[in-house]
Amino acid sequence: MARLAALLVFLVLPQAARLLIAADDPPAGDWEKSYRDKLAGKISVDFTDTPLEEALSFIHGALRVNVVLDPRVPAANPPEITLKLADKPVLEILGAILKPADLEHVLLDEAIYVFPKGGYAARAGSGPLAPEQAARAATALADLGSGQFLVREQAQQALIALGPAAVPLVRRACAETQDAEVLQRARRVLDLLASGGLGESPTAGKVLHALTRKVSFDFTETPLAQAVEFINRTVLDETNPRLTLDVKNIRAESVTLKVTDMSPMCALRWFARVLGGQLTLSRRGLRISAPDK
């Protein structure tokens, strides 16, 4: 695979990686708005037989954004890009770059994720709610304000079980409700979905809401133990839970990953993905384990 410009955040995800849709991490609303604003800006491009990776590198340099390329893309030998456009929105240009290779993109965890057309929902377990799921979500949201404690608890768990696709409905409930109980429980659902299923311990809340600064790191075939030690020392520091590995199932010996100006939780989730695992959290701390089947 061709090397990209030094500033490009270019991650290749192993086929086994389990992508998790995140609701807003503490800075997520800001980063997503920033990315959408940048995609709406206008630039000019002139590509002639340019490899896809180089075209994406140009987009990175123009926008200063992180880019993630699904491993199925280079494996399919995408066609080179010949494209000349002047003073066009970046979103339009990105679409023109991706179309010849039958690719799409989505904003995820402070990055532009590029993937084969139609492949994201199946890979990430995302997509819109089916009609029956939407009906269940509406019932659960109404039940969050029930006078019965058990009904409220069951409604909260039902929304969590629906997964990230329920996030828009839950967010709308947060914006519209005047019921303090409904608001508290709806926000808790969003927190848990934001964690990518990190669990319900007090520690999870501490990590998700305390790690709000931006982090950067650059690993190139770095021994895995060294990379984990660096993350524990500089990303998590002494005030947060330690990161450990499920060594029986995470067998990588080294890691190549560069992230720039990401929130720590997003960076940690990408770190887990490139190892073919998922990030989990309990009272003992953060752990990268094998993905759920």
C-alpha atoms as a PDB file:
ATOM      1  CA  MET A   1       0.000   0.000   0.000  1.00  0.00           C
ATOM      2  CA  ALA A   2       1.343   3.378  -0.923  1.00  0.00           C
ATOM      3  CA  ARG A   3       2.595   5.548   1.927  1.00  0.00           C
ATOM      4  CA  LEU A   4       0.530   8.671   2.435  1.00  0.00           C
ATOM      5  CA  ALA A   5       1.556  12.188   3.373  1.00  0.00           C
ATOM      6  CA  ALA A   6       2.867  12.374   6.925  1.00  0.00           C
ATOM      7  CA  LEU A   7      -0.125  14.277   8.246  1.00  0.00           C
ATOM      8  CA  LEU A   8      -2.759  11.897   6.912  1.00  0.00           C
ATOM      9  CA  VAL A   9      -4.413   9.764   9.520  1.00  0.00           C
ATOM     10  CA  PHE A  10      -4.769   6.585   7.511  1.00  0.00           C
ATOM     11  CA  LEU A  11      -5.966   3.523   9.371  1.00  0.00           C
ATOM     12  CA  VAL A  12      -6.404   0.072   7.891  1.00  0.00           C
ATOM     13  CA  LEU A  13      -8.914  -1.905   9.891  1.00  0.00           C
ATOM     14  CA  PRO A  14      -8.530  -5.684  10.096  1.00  0.00           C
ATOM     15  CA  GLN A  15     -11.433  -7.646   8.717  1.00  0.00           C
ATOM     16  CA  ALA A  16     -12.256  -8.894  12.199  1.00  0.00           C
ATOM     17  CA  ALA A  17     -12.657  -5.418  13.650  1.00  0.00           C
ATOM     18  CA  ARG A  18     -16.073  -4.609  15.088  1.00  0.00           C
ATOM     19  CA  LEU A  19     -17.031  -1.008  14.388  1.00  0.00           C
ATOM     20  CA  LEU A  20     -19.129   0.717  17.005  1.00  0.00           C
ATOM     21  CA  ILE A  21     -21.305   3.731  16.233  1.00  0.00           C
ATOM     22  CA  ALA A  22     -20.748   6.393  18.833  1.00  0.00           C
ATOM     23  CA  ALA A  23     -23.153   8.959  20.110  1.00  0.00           C
ATOM     24  CA  ASP A  24     -21.533  12.183  21.217  1.00  0.00           C
ATOM     25  CA  ASP A  25     -18.350  11.904  23.223  1.00  0.00           C
ATOM     26  CA  PRO A  26     -17.882  15.138  25.163  1.00  0.00           C
ATOM     27  CA  PRO A  27     -16.456  16.996  22.127  1.00  0.00           C
ATOM     28  CA  ALA A  28     -18.340  15.013  19.462  1.00  0.00           C
ATOM     29  CA  GLY A  29     -20.911  17.650  18.614  1.00  0.00           C
ATOM     30  CA  ASP A  30     -18.077  20.098  17.961  1.00  0.00           C
ATOM     31  CA  TRP A  31     -15.987  17.773  15.808  1.00  0.00           C
ATOM     32  CA  GLU A  32     -18.922  16.621  13.696  1.00  0.00           C
ATOM     33  CA  LYS A  33     -20.066  20.179  13.045  1.00  0.00           C
ATOM     34  CA  SER A  34     -16.491  21.134  12.208  1.00  0.00           C
ATOM     35  CA  TYR A  35     -16.175  18.253   9.734  1.00  0.00           C
ATOM     36  CA  ARG A  36     -19.492  19.081   8.078  1.00  0.00           C
ATOM     37  CA  ASP A  37     -18.494  22.740   7.795  1.00  0.00           C
ATOM     38  CA  LYS A  38     -15.193  21.759   6.192  1.00  0.00           C
ATOM     39  CA  LEU A  39     -16.927  19.410   3.761  1.00  0.00           C
ATOM     40  CA  ALA A  40     -19.194  22.293   2.752  1.00  0.00           C
ATOM     41  CA  GLY A  41     -16.226  24.513   1.913  1.00  0.00           C
ATOM     42  CA  LYS A  42     -15.013  24.875  -1.666  1.00  0.00           C
ATOM     43  CA  ILE A  43     -11.680  23.760  -3.138  1.00  0.00           C
ATOM     44  CA  SER A  44     -10.234  22.902  -6.550  1.00  0.00           C
ATOM     45  CA  VAL A  45      -8.612  19.610  -7.568  1.00  0.00           C
ATOM     46  CA  ASP A  46      -6.748  18.326 -10.595  1.00  0.00           C
ATOM     47  CA  PHE A  47      -6.036  14.578 -10.454  1.00  0.00           C
ATOM     48  CA  THR A  48      -4.628  12.575 -13.359  1.00  0.00           C
ATOM     49  CA  ASP A  49      -4.273   8.819 -12.803  1.00  0.00           C
ATOM     50  CA  THR A  50      -3.902   9.496  -9.086  1.00  0.00           C
ATOM     51  CA  PRO A  51      -4.055   6.576  -6.638  1.00  0.00           C
ATOM     52  CA  LEU A  52      -7.064   6.700  -4.332  1.00  0.00           C
ATOM     53  CA  GLU A  53      -4.848   6.969  -1.244  1.00  0.00           C
ATOM     54  CA  GLU A  54      -3.109  10.034  -2.655  1.00  0.00           C
ATOM     55  CA  ALA A  55      -6.421  11.669  -3.512  1.00  0.00           C
ATOM     56  CA  LEU A  56      -7.608  11.103   0.052  1.00  0.00           C
ATOM     57  CA  SER A  57      -4.295  12.460   1.292  1.00  0.00           C
ATOM     58  CA  PHE A  58      -5.018  15.641  -0.636  1.00  0.00           C
ATOM     59  CA  ILE A  59      -8.435  15.887   1.023  1.00  0.00           C
ATOM     60  CA  HIS A  60      -6.756  15.463   4.390  1.00  0.00           C
ATOM     61  CA  GLY A  61      -4.282  18.217   3.654  1.00  0.00           C
ATOM     62  CA  ALA A  62      -6.977  20.575   2.444  1.00  0.00           C
ATOM     63  CA  LEU A  63      -9.340  19.964   5.354  1.00  0.00           C
ATOM     64  CA  ARG A  64      -6.987  18.854   8.167  1.00  0.00           C
ATOM     65  CA  VAL A  65      -9.226  15.917   9.015  1.00  0.00           C
ATOM     66  CA  ASN A  66      -8.654  12.282   9.940  1.00  0.00           C
ATOM     67  CA  VAL A  67      -9.336   9.672   7.243  1.00  0.00           C
ATOM     68  CA  VAL A  68      -9.994   5.940   7.721  1.00  0.00           C
ATOM     69  CA  LEU A  69      -9.971   3.494   4.803  1.00  0.00           C
ATOM     70  CA  ASP A  70     -11.697   0.135   5.173  1.00  0.00           C
ATOM     71  CA  PRO A  71      -9.287  -2.744   4.405  1.00  0.00           C
ATOM     72  CA  ARG A  72     -11.646  -4.102   1.759  1.00  0.00           C
ATOM     73  CA  VAL A  73     -10.884  -1.024  -0.354  1.00  0.00           C
ATOM     74  CA  PRO A  74      -7.142  -1.450  -1.114  1.00  0.00           C
ATOM     75  CA  ALA A  75      -7.690  -5.209  -1.371  1.00  0.00           C
ATOM     76  CA  ALA A  76     -10.065  -4.535  -4.274  1.00  0.00           C
ATOM     77  CA  ASN A  77      -7.430  -2.506  -6.185  1.00  0.00           C
ATOM     78  CA  PRO A  78      -9.567   0.626  -6.637  1.00  0.00           C
ATOM     79  CA  PRO A  79      -9.134   2.505  -9.934  1.00  0.00           C
ATOM     80  CA  GLU A  80      -6.914   5.543 -10.132  1.00  0.00           C
ATOM     81  CA  ILE A  81      -8.610   8.926 -10.037  1.00  0.00           C
ATOM     82  CA  THR A  82      -8.739  11.355 -12.967  1.00  0.00           C
ATOM     83  CA  LEU A  83     -10.740  14.373 -11.931  1.00  0.00           C
ATOM     84  CA  LYS A  84     -10.583  18.127 -12.479  1.00  0.00           C
ATOM     85  CA  LEU A  85     -13.017  20.366 -10.595  1.00  0.00           C
ATOM     86  CA  ALA A  86     -12.703  24.036  -9.699  1.00  0.00           C
ATOM     87  CA  ASP A  87     -14.247  25.833  -6.744  1.00  0.00           C
ATOM     88  CA  LYS A  88     -16.579  22.993  -5.756  1.00  0.00           C
ATOM     89  CA  PRO A  89     -17.747  21.873  -2.276  1.00  0.00           C
ATOM     90  CA  VAL A  90     -15.407  19.306  -0.757  1.00  0.00           C
ATOM     91  CA  LEU A  91     -18.359  16.979  -0.197  1.00  0.00           C
ATOM     92  CA  GLU A  92     -19.042  16.967  -3.944  1.00  0.00           C
ATOM     93  CA  ILE A  93     -15.368  16.371  -4.713  1.00  0.00           C
ATOM     94  CA  LEU A  94     -15.128  13.558  -2.180  1.00  0.00           C
ATOM     95  CA  GLY A  95     -18.161  11.913  -3.746  1.00  0.00           C
ATOM     96  CA  ALA A  96     -16.573  12.191  -7.191  1.00  0.00           C
ATOM     97  CA  ILE A  97     -13.361  10.599  -5.859  1.00  0.00           C
ATOM     98  CA  LEU A  98     -15.191   7.692  -4.268  1.00  0.00           C
ATOM     99  CA  LYS A  99     -17.790   6.998  -6.979  1.00  0.00           C
ATOM    100  CA  PRO A 100     -15.488   5.283  -9.551  1.00  0.00           C
ATOM    101  CA  ALA A 101     -14.484   2.735  -6.902  1.00  0.00           C
ATOM    102  CA  ASP A 102     -18.111   2.317  -5.738  1.00  0.00           C
ATOM    103  CA  LEU A 103     -17.256   3.691  -2.298  1.00  0.00           C
ATOM    104  CA  GLU A 104     -19.105   5.730   0.309  1.00  0.00           C
ATOM    105  CA  HIS A 105     -18.146   7.615   3.469  1.00  0.00           C
ATOM    106  CA  VAL A 106     -19.558   8.318   6.898  1.00  0.00           C
ATOM    107  CA  LEU A 107     -18.421  10.487   9.809  1.00  0.00           C
ATOM    108  CA  LEU A 108     -17.424   8.275  12.734  1.00  0.00           C
ATOM    109  CA  ASP A 109     -15.337   8.853  15.851  1.00  0.00           C
ATOM    110  CA  GLU A 110     -13.635  12.043  14.636  1.00  0.00           C
ATOM    111  CA  ALA A 111     -12.765  10.642  11.234  1.00  0.00           C
ATOM    112  CA  ILE A 112     -14.071  10.260   7.691  1.00  0.00           C
ATOM    113  CA  TYR A 113     -14.544   6.511   7.271  1.00  0.00           C
ATOM    114  CA  VAL A 114     -14.393   5.302   3.634  1.00  0.00           C
ATOM    115  CA  PHE A 115     -15.921   1.898   2.842  1.00  0.00           C
ATOM    116  CA  PRO A 116     -17.437  -0.177  -0.020  1.00  0.00           C
ATOM    117  CA  LYS A 117     -20.888   1.006  -1.018  1.00  0.00           C
ATOM    118  CA  GLY A 118     -23.585  -0.577   1.101  1.00  0.00           C
ATOM    119  CA  GLY A 119     -21.015  -2.219   3.365  1.00  0.00           C
ATOM    120  CA  TYR A 120     -21.212   0.016   6.414  1.00  0.00           C
ATOM    121  CA  ALA A 121     -24.572  -1.022   7.896  1.00  0.00           C
ATOM    122  CA  ALA A 122     -23.712  -4.713   7.719  1.00  0.00           C
ATOM    123  CA  ARG A 123     -20.234  -4.152   9.163  1.00  0.00           C
ATOM    124  CA  ALA A 124     -21.246  -1.818  11.944  1.00  0.00           C
ATOM    125  CA  GLY A 125     -24.647  -3.212  12.776  1.00  0.00           C
ATOM    126  CA  SER A 126     -26.074   0.230  12.119  1.00  0.00           C
ATOM    127  CA  GLY A 127     -28.676   1.717   9.859  1.00  0.00           C
ATOM    128  CA  PRO A 128     -32.161   3.090  10.467  1.00  0.00           C
ATOM    129  CA  LEU A 129     -34.567   1.375  12.787  1.00  0.00           C
ATOM    130  CA  ALA A 130     -37.020  -1.007  11.186  1.00  0.00           C
ATOM    131  CA  PRO A 131     -40.682   0.028  11.638  1.00  0.00           C
ATOM    132  CA  GLU A 132     -41.242  -2.447  14.472  1.00  0.00           C
ATOM    133  CA  GLN A 133     -38.043  -1.262  16.168  1.00  0.00           C
ATOM    134  CA  ALA A 134     -39.106   2.361  15.827  1.00  0.00           C
ATOM    135  CA  ALA A 135     -42.420   1.470  17.440  1.00  0.00           C
ATOM    136  CA  ARG A 136     -40.603  -0.231  20.324  1.00  0.00           C
ATOM    137  CA  ALA A 137     -38.380   2.823  20.721  1.00  0.00           C
ATOM    138  CA  ALA A 138     -41.388   5.159  20.844  1.00  0.00           C
ATOM    139  CA  THR A 139     -43.037   2.988  23.499  1.00  0.00           C
ATOM    140  CA  ALA A 140     -39.831   2.827  25.532  1.00  0.00           C
ATOM    141  CA  LEU A 141     -39.348   6.589  25.372  1.00  0.00           C
ATOM    142  CA  ALA A 142     -42.891   7.105  26.627  1.00  0.00           C
ATOM    143  CA  ASP A 143     -42.264   4.587  29.408  1.00  0.00           C
ATOM    144  CA  LEU A 144     -39.220   6.490  30.652  1.00  0.00           C
ATOM    145  CA  GLY A 145     -41.711   8.782  32.380  1.00  0.00           C
ATOM    146  CA  SER A 146     -43.780   5.975  33.874  1.00  0.00           C
ATOM    147  CA  GLY A 147     -44.831   6.182  37.504  1.00  0.00           C
ATOM    148  CA  GLN A 148     -43.516   2.636  38.026  1.00  0.00           C
ATOM    149  CA  PHE A 149     -39.806   2.233  38.662  1.00  0.00           C
ATOM    150  CA  LEU A 150     -39.603  -1.220  37.057  1.00  0.00           C
ATOM    151  CA  VAL A 151     -41.259   0.058  33.858  1.00  0.00           C
ATOM    152  CA  ARG A 152     -38.760   2.937  33.658  1.00  0.00           C
ATOM    153  CA  GLU A 153     -35.839   0.531  34.122  1.00  0.00           C
ATOM    154  CA  GLN A 154     -37.144  -1.836  31.444  1.00  0.00           C
ATOM    155  CA  ALA A 155     -37.704   1.068  29.045  1.00  0.00           C
ATOM    156  CA  GLN A 156     -34.125   2.265  29.484  1.00  0.00           C
ATOM    157  CA  GLN A 157     -32.738  -1.212  28.828  1.00  0.00           C
ATOM    158  CA  ALA A 158     -34.991  -1.589  25.765  1.00  0.00           C
ATOM    159  CA  LEU A 159     -33.547   1.584  24.257  1.00  0.00           C
ATOM    160  CA  ILE A 160     -29.981   0.453  24.946  1.00  0.00           C
ATOM    161  CA  ALA A 161     -30.744  -2.894  23.304  1.00  0.00           C
ATOM    162  CA  LEU A 162     -31.843  -1.120  20.107  1.00  0.00           C
ATOM    163  CA  GLY A 163     -28.306   0.209  19.782  1.00  0.00           C
ATOM    164  CA  PRO A 164     -26.913   3.264  18.002  1.00  0.00           C
ATOM    165  CA  ALA A 165     -29.774   3.458  15.502  1.00  0.00           C
ATOM    166  CA  ALA A 166     -31.982   4.650  18.382  1.00  0.00           C
ATOM    167  CA  VAL A 167     -29.732   7.643  19.105  1.00  0.00           C
ATOM    168  CA  PRO A 168     -31.617  10.197  16.937  1.00  0.00           C
ATOM    169  CA  LEU A 169     -34.918   9.369  18.656  1.00  0.00           C
ATOM    170  CA  VAL A 170     -33.340   9.559  22.106  1.00  0.00           C
ATOM    171  CA  ARG A 171     -31.670  12.867  21.300  1.00  0.00           C
ATOM    172  CA  ARG A 172     -34.987  14.279  20.128  1.00  0.00           C
ATOM    173  CA  ALA A 173     -36.597  13.141  23.380  1.00  0.00           C
ATOM    174  CA  CYS A 174     -33.875  14.958  25.319  1.00  0.00           C
ATOM    175  CA  ALA A 175     -34.558  18.139  23.380  1.00  0.00           C
ATOM    176  CA  GLU A 176     -38.345  17.978  23.716  1.00  0.00           C
ATOM    177  CA  THR A 177     -39.022  16.635  27.203  1.00  0.00           C
ATOM    178  CA  GLN A 178     -39.660  18.786  30.257  1.00  0.00           C
ATOM    179  CA  ASP A 179     -39.698  15.748  32.534  1.00  0.00           C
ATOM    180  CA  ALA A 180     -36.512  15.605  34.638  1.00  0.00           C
ATOM    181  CA  GLU A 181     -36.754  11.817  35.034  1.00  0.00           C
ATOM    182  CA  VAL A 182     -37.104  11.259  31.292  1.00  0.00           C
ATOM    183  CA  LEU A 183     -34.210  13.627  30.577  1.00  0.00           C
ATOM    184  CA  GLN A 184     -31.917  11.928  33.084  1.00  0.00           C
ATOM    185  CA  ARG A 185     -32.650   8.448  31.782  1.00  0.00           C
ATOM    186  CA  ALA A 186     -32.452   9.464  28.114  1.00  0.00           C
ATOM    187  CA  ARG A 187     -29.064  11.058  28.714  1.00  0.00           C
ATOM    188  CA  ARG A 188     -27.926   7.877  30.441  1.00  0.00           C
ATOM    189  CA  VAL A 189     -28.925   5.872  27.357  1.00  0.00           C
ATOM    190  CA  LEU A 190     -26.900   8.230  25.166  1.00  0.00           C
ATOM    191  CA  ASP A 191     -23.914   7.923  27.506  1.00  0.00           C
ATOM    192  CA  LEU A 192     -23.986   4.132  27.296  1.00  0.00           C
ATOM    193  CA  LEU A 193     -24.354   4.120  23.528  1.00  0.00           C
ATOM    194  CA  ALA A 194     -21.530   6.657  23.330  1.00  0.00           C
ATOM    195  CA  SER A 195     -19.281   4.251  25.200  1.00  0.00           C
ATOM    196  CA  GLY A 196     -19.716   1.693  22.427  1.00  0.00           C
ATOM    197  CA  GLY A 197     -21.067  -0.708  25.011  1.00  0.00           C
ATOM    198  CA  LEU A 198     -18.416  -0.005  27.610  1.00  0.00           C
ATOM    199  CA  GLY A 199     -20.712  -0.924  30.445  1.00  0.00           C
ATOM    200  CA  GLU A 200     -22.507   0.747  33.312  1.00  0.00           C
ATOM    201  CA  SER A 201     -19.900   1.086  36.036  1.00  0.00           C
ATOM    202  CA  PRO A 202     -19.146   4.455  37.649  1.00  0.00           C
ATOM    203  CA  THR A 203     -15.679   4.121  36.176  1.00  0.00           C
ATOM    204  CA  ALA A 204     -17.120   4.230  32.659  1.00  0.00           C
ATOM    205  CA  GLY A 205     -18.799   7.527  33.347  1.00  0.00           C
ATOM    206  CA  LYS A 206     -15.589   8.926  34.779  1.00  0.00           C
ATOM    207  CA  VAL A 207     -13.578   7.981  31.696  1.00  0.00           C
ATOM    208  CA  LEU A 208     -16.171   9.069  29.152  1.00  0.00           C
ATOM    209  CA  HIS A 209     -16.690  12.493  30.667  1.00  0.00           C
ATOM    210  CA  ALA A 210     -13.256  13.306  32.098  1.00  0.00           C
ATOM    211  CA  LEU A 211     -11.120  12.631  29.016  1.00  0.00           C
ATOM    212  CA  THR A 212     -12.058  15.697  27.017  1.00  0.00           C
ATOM    213  CA  ARG A 213      -8.650  16.957  25.904  1.00  0.00           C
ATOM    214  CA  LYS A 214      -7.307  16.175  22.430  1.00  0.00           C
ATOM    215  CA  VAL A 215      -4.534  13.623  21.995  1.00  0.00           C
ATOM    216  CA  SER A 216      -2.167  12.624  19.211  1.00  0.00           C
ATOM    217  CA  PHE A 217       0.147   9.658  18.794  1.00  0.00           C
ATOM    218  CA  ASP A 218       2.061   8.048  15.965  1.00  0.00           C
ATOM    219  CA  PHE A 219       2.839   4.316  16.012  1.00  0.00           C
ATOM    220  CA  THR A 220       4.657   2.705  13.083  1.00  0.00           C
ATOM    221  CA  GLU A 221       5.163  -1.026  13.594  1.00  0.00           C
ATOM    222  CA  THR A 222       5.527  -0.185  17.268  1.00  0.00           C
ATOM    223  CA  PRO A 223       5.733  -3.204  19.615  1.00  0.00           C
ATOM    224  CA  LEU A 224       2.282  -3.604  21.103  1.00  0.00           C
ATOM    225  CA  ALA A 225       3.450  -3.611  24.716  1.00  0.00           C
ATOM    226  CA  GLN A 226       5.317  -0.361  24.088  1.00  0.00           C
ATOM    227  CA  ALA A 227       2.257   1.244  22.502  1.00  0.00           C
ATOM    228  CA  VAL A 228       0.022   0.238  25.418  1.00  0.00           C
ATOM    229  CA  GLU A 229       2.556   1.586  27.902  1.00  0.00           C
ATOM    230  CA  PHE A 230       2.661   4.885  25.996  1.00  0.00           C
ATOM    231  CA  ILE A 231      -1.131   5.172  26.037  1.00  0.00           C
ATOM    232  CA  ASN A 232      -1.275   4.453  29.759  1.00  0.00           C
ATOM    233  CA  ARG A 233       1.402   7.042  30.464  1.00  0.00           C
ATOM    234  CA  THR A 234       0.343   9.871  28.160  1.00  0.00           C
ATOM    235  CA  VAL A 235      -3.277   9.370  27.072  1.00  0.00           C
ATOM    236  CA  LEU A 236      -4.817   8.048  30.267  1.00  0.00           C
ATOM    237  CA  ASP A 237      -2.218   9.344  32.768  1.00  0.00           C
ATOM    238  CA  GLU A 238      -2.229   8.356  36.432  1.00  0.00           C
ATOM    239  CA  THR A 239      -5.756   9.565  37.220  1.00  0.00           C
ATOM    240  CA  ASN A 240      -7.614   7.129  34.938  1.00  0.00           C
ATOM    241  CA  PRO A 241      -8.039   3.340  34.659  1.00  0.00           C
ATOM    242  CA  ARG A 242      -5.236   1.375  32.993  1.00  0.00           C
ATOM    243  CA  LEU A 243      -5.538  -0.100  29.507  1.00  0.00           C
ATOM    244  CA  THR A 244      -4.910  -3.848  29.311  1.00  0.00           C
ATOM    245  CA  LEU A 245      -5.126  -6.473  26.557  1.00  0.00           C
ATOM    246  CA  ASP A 246      -6.845  -9.823  26.276  1.00  0.00           C
ATOM    247  CA  VAL A 247      -3.560 -11.489  25.336  1.00  0.00           C
ATOM    248  CA  LYS A 248      -5.208 -14.840  24.602  1.00  0.00           C
ATOM    249  CA  ASN A 249      -7.260 -13.362  21.754  1.00  0.00           C
ATOM    250  CA  ILE A 250      -5.393 -10.197  20.713  1.00  0.00           C
ATOM    251  CA  ARG A 251      -2.329 -11.695  19.075  1.00  0.00           C
ATOM    252  CA  ALA A 252      -0.834  -8.715  17.251  1.00  0.00           C
ATOM    253  CA  GLU A 253       2.823  -8.121  18.043  1.00  0.00           C
ATOM    254  CA  SER A 254       2.987  -4.545  16.756  1.00  0.00           C
ATOM    255  CA  VAL A 255       0.674  -1.724  15.767  1.00  0.00           C
ATOM    256  CA  THR A 256       0.672   0.982  13.096  1.00  0.00           C
ATOM    257  CA  LEU A 257      -1.679   3.829  13.835  1.00  0.00           C
ATOM    258  CA  LYS A 258      -1.522   7.612  13.768  1.00  0.00           C
ATOM    259  CA  VAL A 259      -4.183   9.889  15.209  1.00  0.00           C
ATOM    260  CA  THR A 260      -4.108  13.662  15.366  1.00  0.00           C
ATOM    261  CA  ASP A 261      -6.123  15.872  17.701  1.00  0.00           C
ATOM    262  CA  MET A 262      -8.689  13.231  18.666  1.00  0.00           C
ATOM    263  CA  SER A 263     -10.566  12.908  21.918  1.00  0.00           C
ATOM    264  CA  PRO A 264      -9.047  10.061  23.950  1.00  0.00           C
ATOM    265  CA  MET A 265     -12.091   7.786  23.770  1.00  0.00           C
ATOM    266  CA  CYS A 266     -12.200   7.993  19.961  1.00  0.00           C
ATOM    267  CA  ALA A 267      -8.453   7.350  19.755  1.00  0.00           C
ATOM    268  CA  LEU A 268      -8.772   4.347  22.062  1.00  0.00           C
ATOM    269  CA  ARG A 269     -11.629   2.899  20.026  1.00  0.00           C
ATOM    270  CA  TRP A 270      -9.560   3.167  16.806  1.00  0.00           C
ATOM    271  CA  PHE A 271      -6.608   1.594  18.631  1.00  0.00           C
ATOM    272  CA  ALA A 272      -8.812  -1.353  19.575  1.00  0.00           C
ATOM    273  CA  ARG A 273     -10.171  -1.691  16.048  1.00  0.00           C
ATOM    274  CA  VAL A 274      -6.791  -1.866  14.334  1.00  0.00           C
ATOM    275  CA  LEU A 275      -5.964  -4.729  16.681  1.00  0.00           C
ATOM    276  CA  GLY A 276      -9.112  -6.552  15.609  1.00  0.00           C
ATOM    277  CA  GLY A 277     -10.756  -6.107  19.004  1.00  0.00           C
ATOM    278  CA  GLN A 278     -13.192  -3.929  20.873  1.00  0.00           C
ATOM    279  CA  LEU A 279     -12.849  -1.570  23.805  1.00  0.00           C
ATOM    280  CA  THR A 280     -14.625  -2.607  26.986  1.00  0.00           C
ATOM    281  CA  LEU A 281     -14.620  -1.161  30.453  1.00  0.00           C
ATOM    282  CA  SER A 282     -15.339  -2.403  33.950  1.00  0.00           C
ATOM    283  CA  ARG A 283     -14.408  -1.375  37.464  1.00  0.00           C
ATOM    284  CA  ARG A 284     -10.957  -2.832  36.812  1.00  0.00           C
ATOM    285  CA  GLY A 285     -10.279  -0.472  33.913  1.00  0.00           C
ATOM    286  CA  LEU A 286     -10.179  -0.340  30.124  1.00  0.00           C
ATOM    287  CA  ARG A 287      -9.566  -3.536  28.208  1.00  0.00           C
ATOM    288  CA  ILE A 288      -9.189  -4.504  24.566  1.00  0.00           C
ATOM    289  CA  SER A 289     -10.805  -7.875  24.066  1.00  0.00           C
ATOM    290  CA  ALA A 290     -11.974 -10.064  21.204  1.00  0.00           C
ATOM    291  CA  PRO A 291     -15.124  -8.723  19.514  1.00  0.00           C
ATOM    292  CA  ASP A 292     -18.496 -10.233  20.348  1.00  0.00           C
ATOM    293  CA  LYS A 293     -19.571 -12.755  17.764  1.00  0.00           C
END
